[in-house]
Amino acid sequence: MLAQPGAKTGKLAQCPVSGVVFAVDPNRPRVRIAGDDYVTCCDKCAGKLERDPRHYLKV
């Protein structure tokens, strides 16, 4: 499993919002924060991350 940011297509990653482990694919939502891309498990988590990144990340 790869840490985020830096998740690559075809690898496992952990959603920074929900904690769900998932396989990264090109259709997963991505959020750019402070110049880094984070992949989330779903659109709902992407919206939460965009609204309050400090709650989920150390930025």
N, C-alpha and C. Protein backbone atom coordinates (compact mmCIF):
# COMPACT_ATOMS: atom_id res chain seq x y z
N MET A 1 0.84 -1.17 0.00
CA MET A 1 0.00 0.00 0.00
C MET A 1 0.90 1.24 0.00
N LEU A 2 0.55 2.20 -0.83
CA LEU A 2 1.32 3.43 -0.93
C LEU A 2 0.72 4.52 -0.07
N ALA A 3 1.58 5.30 0.53
CA ALA A 3 1.13 6.46 1.29
C ALA A 3 0.73 7.56 0.32
N GLN A 4 -0.13 8.42 0.79
CA GLN A 4 -0.53 9.56 -0.04
C GLN A 4 0.19 10.79 0.46
N PRO A 5 0.50 11.76 -0.35
CA PRO A 5 0.35 11.73 -1.79
C PRO A 5 1.33 10.75 -2.43
N GLY A 6 1.12 10.46 -3.67
CA GLY A 6 2.02 9.58 -4.41
C GLY A 6 1.41 8.27 -4.82
N ALA A 7 0.11 8.10 -4.59
CA ALA A 7 -0.55 6.86 -4.98
C ALA A 7 -0.52 6.71 -6.50
N LYS A 8 -0.23 5.52 -6.96
CA LYS A 8 -0.11 5.23 -8.39
C LYS A 8 -1.21 4.30 -8.85
N THR A 9 -1.63 4.45 -10.09
CA THR A 9 -2.64 3.59 -10.69
C THR A 9 -2.21 2.13 -10.59
N GLY A 10 -3.15 1.29 -10.17
CA GLY A 10 -2.89 -0.14 -10.04
C GLY A 10 -2.39 -0.56 -8.67
N LYS A 11 -2.07 0.39 -7.83
CA LYS A 11 -1.56 0.09 -6.48
C LYS A 11 -2.67 0.33 -5.46
N LEU A 12 -2.47 -0.18 -4.25
CA LEU A 12 -3.41 0.08 -3.17
C LEU A 12 -3.06 1.38 -2.47
N ALA A 13 -4.09 2.10 -2.07
CA ALA A 13 -3.90 3.34 -1.32
C ALA A 13 -4.97 3.41 -0.25
N GLN A 14 -4.75 4.26 0.72
CA GLN A 14 -5.74 4.46 1.79
C GLN A 14 -6.35 5.84 1.63
N CYS A 15 -7.68 5.90 1.64
CA CYS A 15 -8.37 7.17 1.53
C CYS A 15 -8.03 8.03 2.75
N PRO A 16 -7.59 9.27 2.55
CA PRO A 16 -7.22 10.12 3.68
C PRO A 16 -8.43 10.57 4.50
N VAL A 17 -9.64 10.37 3.99
CA VAL A 17 -10.84 10.78 4.71
C VAL A 17 -11.47 9.61 5.45
N SER A 18 -11.79 8.54 4.74
CA SER A 18 -12.52 7.42 5.34
C SER A 18 -11.62 6.33 5.90
N GLY A 19 -10.40 6.26 5.40
CA GLY A 19 -9.48 5.21 5.82
C GLY A 19 -9.63 3.92 5.03
N VAL A 20 -10.55 3.89 4.07
CA VAL A 20 -10.78 2.72 3.24
C VAL A 20 -9.56 2.47 2.35
N VAL A 21 -9.14 1.22 2.24
CA VAL A 21 -8.06 0.83 1.34
C VAL A 21 -8.70 0.43 0.02
N PHE A 22 -8.17 0.97 -1.08
CA PHE A 22 -8.75 0.72 -2.40
C PHE A 22 -7.66 0.66 -3.46
N ALA A 23 -7.98 0.05 -4.59
CA ALA A 23 -7.07 0.02 -5.73
C ALA A 23 -7.23 1.33 -6.50
N VAL A 24 -6.13 1.99 -6.74
CA VAL A 24 -6.15 3.27 -7.45
C VAL A 24 -6.38 3.01 -8.93
N ASP A 25 -7.33 3.72 -9.50
CA ASP A 25 -7.56 3.66 -10.94
C ASP A 25 -7.84 5.07 -11.44
N PRO A 26 -7.77 5.28 -12.75
CA PRO A 26 -7.91 6.63 -13.30
C PRO A 26 -9.26 7.28 -13.02
N ASN A 27 -10.28 6.51 -12.65
CA ASN A 27 -11.61 7.07 -12.41
C ASN A 27 -11.82 7.53 -10.97
N ARG A 28 -10.87 7.28 -10.09
CA ARG A 28 -11.01 7.71 -8.70
C ARG A 28 -10.88 9.23 -8.61
N PRO A 29 -11.65 9.85 -7.72
CA PRO A 29 -11.53 11.30 -7.54
C PRO A 29 -10.15 11.68 -7.00
N ARG A 30 -9.64 12.81 -7.48
CA ARG A 30 -8.34 13.32 -7.04
C ARG A 30 -8.51 14.76 -6.59
N VAL A 31 -7.81 15.10 -5.53
CA VAL A 31 -7.87 16.45 -4.98
C VAL A 31 -6.46 16.97 -4.87
N ARG A 32 -6.20 18.18 -5.40
CA ARG A 32 -4.87 18.78 -5.31
C ARG A 32 -4.87 19.73 -4.11
N ILE A 33 -3.93 19.48 -3.19
CA ILE A 33 -3.80 20.30 -1.99
C ILE A 33 -2.33 20.61 -1.79
N ALA A 34 -2.02 21.89 -1.69
CA ALA A 34 -0.64 22.35 -1.47
C ALA A 34 0.32 21.74 -2.48
N GLY A 35 -0.13 21.59 -3.73
CA GLY A 35 0.72 21.09 -4.80
C GLY A 35 0.82 19.58 -4.88
N ASP A 36 0.13 18.86 -4.01
CA ASP A 36 0.16 17.40 -4.02
C ASP A 36 -1.22 16.86 -4.39
N ASP A 37 -1.24 15.74 -5.12
CA ASP A 37 -2.49 15.08 -5.49
C ASP A 37 -2.80 13.97 -4.51
N TYR A 38 -4.05 13.97 -4.02
CA TYR A 38 -4.54 12.93 -3.13
C TYR A 38 -5.68 12.22 -3.84
N VAL A 39 -5.68 10.90 -3.81
CA VAL A 39 -6.74 10.10 -4.41
C VAL A 39 -7.67 9.68 -3.29
N THR A 40 -8.98 9.85 -3.52
CA THR A 40 -9.96 9.44 -2.52
C THR A 40 -10.76 8.26 -3.04
N CYS A 41 -11.45 7.60 -2.14
CA CYS A 41 -12.23 6.41 -2.52
C CYS A 41 -13.51 6.77 -3.25
N CYS A 42 -14.04 7.99 -3.02
CA CYS A 42 -15.32 8.36 -3.63
C CYS A 42 -15.46 9.89 -3.70
N ASP A 43 -16.46 10.34 -4.43
CA ASP A 43 -16.71 11.78 -4.58
C ASP A 43 -17.05 12.44 -3.25
N LYS A 44 -17.77 11.74 -2.39
CA LYS A 44 -18.14 12.30 -1.09
C LYS A 44 -16.89 12.63 -0.27
N CYS A 45 -15.94 11.71 -0.25
CA CYS A 45 -14.69 11.95 0.48
C CYS A 45 -13.87 13.06 -0.18
N ALA A 46 -13.89 13.14 -1.50
CA ALA A 46 -13.17 14.20 -2.20
C ALA A 46 -13.72 15.56 -1.79
N GLY A 47 -15.04 15.69 -1.71
CA GLY A 47 -15.66 16.95 -1.29
C GLY A 47 -15.28 17.32 0.13
N LYS A 48 -15.27 16.35 1.03
CA LYS A 48 -14.88 16.62 2.42
C LYS A 48 -13.42 17.08 2.49
N LEU A 49 -12.56 16.42 1.72
CA LEU A 49 -11.14 16.78 1.72
C LEU A 49 -10.93 18.18 1.16
N GLU A 50 -11.64 18.53 0.11
CA GLU A 50 -11.52 19.88 -0.47
C GLU A 50 -11.99 20.95 0.51
N ARG A 51 -13.07 20.68 1.24
CA ARG A 51 -13.63 21.67 2.16
C ARG A 51 -12.77 21.89 3.40
N ASP A 52 -12.14 20.83 3.90
CA ASP A 52 -11.40 20.94 5.16
C ASP A 52 -10.15 20.06 5.17
N PRO A 53 -9.17 20.38 4.32
CA PRO A 53 -7.99 19.51 4.23
C PRO A 53 -7.22 19.39 5.53
N ARG A 54 -7.20 20.41 6.36
CA ARG A 54 -6.43 20.36 7.61
C ARG A 54 -7.03 19.36 8.59
N HIS A 55 -8.30 19.07 8.46
CA HIS A 55 -8.92 18.08 9.33
C HIS A 55 -8.42 16.67 9.02
N TYR A 56 -8.07 16.42 7.75
CA TYR A 56 -7.68 15.09 7.30
C TYR A 56 -6.19 14.94 7.03
N LEU A 57 -5.49 16.04 6.80
CA LEU A 57 -4.09 16.00 6.41
C LEU A 57 -3.25 16.91 7.31
N LYS A 58 -1.99 16.65 7.32
CA LYS A 58 -1.04 17.56 7.98
C LYS A 58 -0.47 18.48 6.94
N VAL A 59 -1.15 19.61 6.71
CA VAL A 59 -0.69 20.58 5.70
C VAL A 59 -0.35 21.89 6.35
